[in-house]
């Protein structure tokens, strides 16, 4: 009977250890996934800022060219 209790005690300790390790594994995977997702979100925002700045630069260049033409013809 003592042997069975000892085996159950050891098994429950291993079970608890495995449960804790699996829980930590799930938490780590979740953290990595959320960090990756946040990185994608920030990257998409960065691309949008670059697109907006490129559009603004193009518009500014057109305005400068127009002003140069007006000055040349004056």
Protein backbone atom coordinates (compact mmCIF):
# COMPACT_ATOMS: atom_id res chain seq x y z
CA UNK A 1 0.00 0.00 0.00
CA UNK A 2 2.86 2.35 0.82
CA UNK A 3 4.37 1.62 -2.56
CA UNK A 4 1.11 2.59 -4.29
CA UNK A 5 0.89 5.81 -2.25
CA UNK A 6 4.51 6.58 -3.09
CA UNK A 7 3.90 5.93 -6.79
CA UNK A 8 0.75 8.08 -6.78
CA UNK A 9 2.59 10.83 -4.95
CA UNK A 10 5.44 10.72 -7.46
CA UNK A 11 3.01 10.57 -10.38
CA UNK A 12 1.06 13.55 -9.07
CA UNK A 13 4.29 15.52 -8.63
CA UNK A 14 5.28 14.75 -12.21
CA UNK A 15 1.74 15.56 -13.34
CA UNK A 16 1.86 18.93 -11.62
CA UNK A 17 5.31 19.61 -13.07
CA UNK A 18 4.11 18.71 -16.57
CA UNK A 19 0.99 20.85 -16.13
CA UNK A 20 3.10 23.84 -15.04
CA UNK A 21 5.51 23.38 -17.95
CA UNK A 22 2.65 23.08 -20.45
CA UNK A 23 1.00 26.20 -19.00
CA UNK A 24 4.27 28.12 -19.32
CA UNK A 25 4.65 26.83 -22.86
CA UNK A 26 1.16 28.04 -23.81
CA UNK A 27 1.86 31.42 -22.19
CA UNK A 28 5.15 31.74 -24.08
CA UNK A 29 3.57 30.82 -27.41
CA UNK A 30 0.77 33.31 -26.78
CA UNK A 31 3.28 36.03 -25.92
CA UNK A 32 5.31 35.32 -29.07
CA UNK A 33 2.16 35.34 -31.22
CA UNK A 34 0.94 38.64 -29.77
CA UNK A 35 4.39 40.21 -30.18
CA UNK A 36 4.49 39.00 -33.79
CA UNK A 37 0.98 40.34 -34.40
CA UNK A 38 1.94 43.71 -32.88
CA UNK A 39 5.03 43.78 -35.09
CA UNK A 40 2.87 43.27 -38.17
CA UNK A 41 0.53 46.03 -37.04
CA UNK A 42 3.43 48.43 -36.47
CA UNK A 43 4.98 47.47 -39.81
CA UNK A 44 1.70 48.15 -41.62
CA UNK A 45 1.43 51.51 -39.86
CA UNK A 46 5.00 52.31 -40.91
CA UNK A 47 4.22 51.42 -44.53
CA UNK A 48 1.16 53.68 -44.38
CA UNK A 49 3.26 56.56 -43.02
CA UNK A 50 5.80 56.02 -45.81
CA UNK A 51 3.01 56.03 -48.42
CA UNK A 52 1.51 59.20 -46.94
CA UNK A 53 4.90 60.93 -46.85
CA UNK A 54 5.63 59.87 -50.42
CA UNK A 55 2.28 61.25 -51.56
CA UNK A 56 2.90 64.50 -49.68
CA UNK A 57 6.41 64.79 -51.17
CA UNK A 58 5.03 64.22 -54.68
CA UNK A 59 2.38 66.88 -54.13
CA UNK A 60 5.01 69.30 -52.79
CA UNK A 61 7.25 68.60 -55.78
CA UNK A 62 4.33 69.35 -58.14
CA UNK A 63 3.66 72.61 -56.31
CA UNK A 64 7.33 73.60 -56.51
CA UNK A 65 7.40 72.80 -60.23
CA UNK A 66 4.26 74.89 -60.75
CA UNK A 67 5.80 77.80 -58.86
CA UNK A 68 8.97 77.52 -60.95
CA UNK A 69 6.90 77.64 -64.13
CA UNK A 70 4.96 80.68 -62.88
CA UNK A 71 8.20 82.45 -61.96
CA UNK A 72 9.75 81.64 -65.36
CA UNK A 73 6.74 83.01 -67.23
CA UNK A 74 6.51 86.21 -65.17
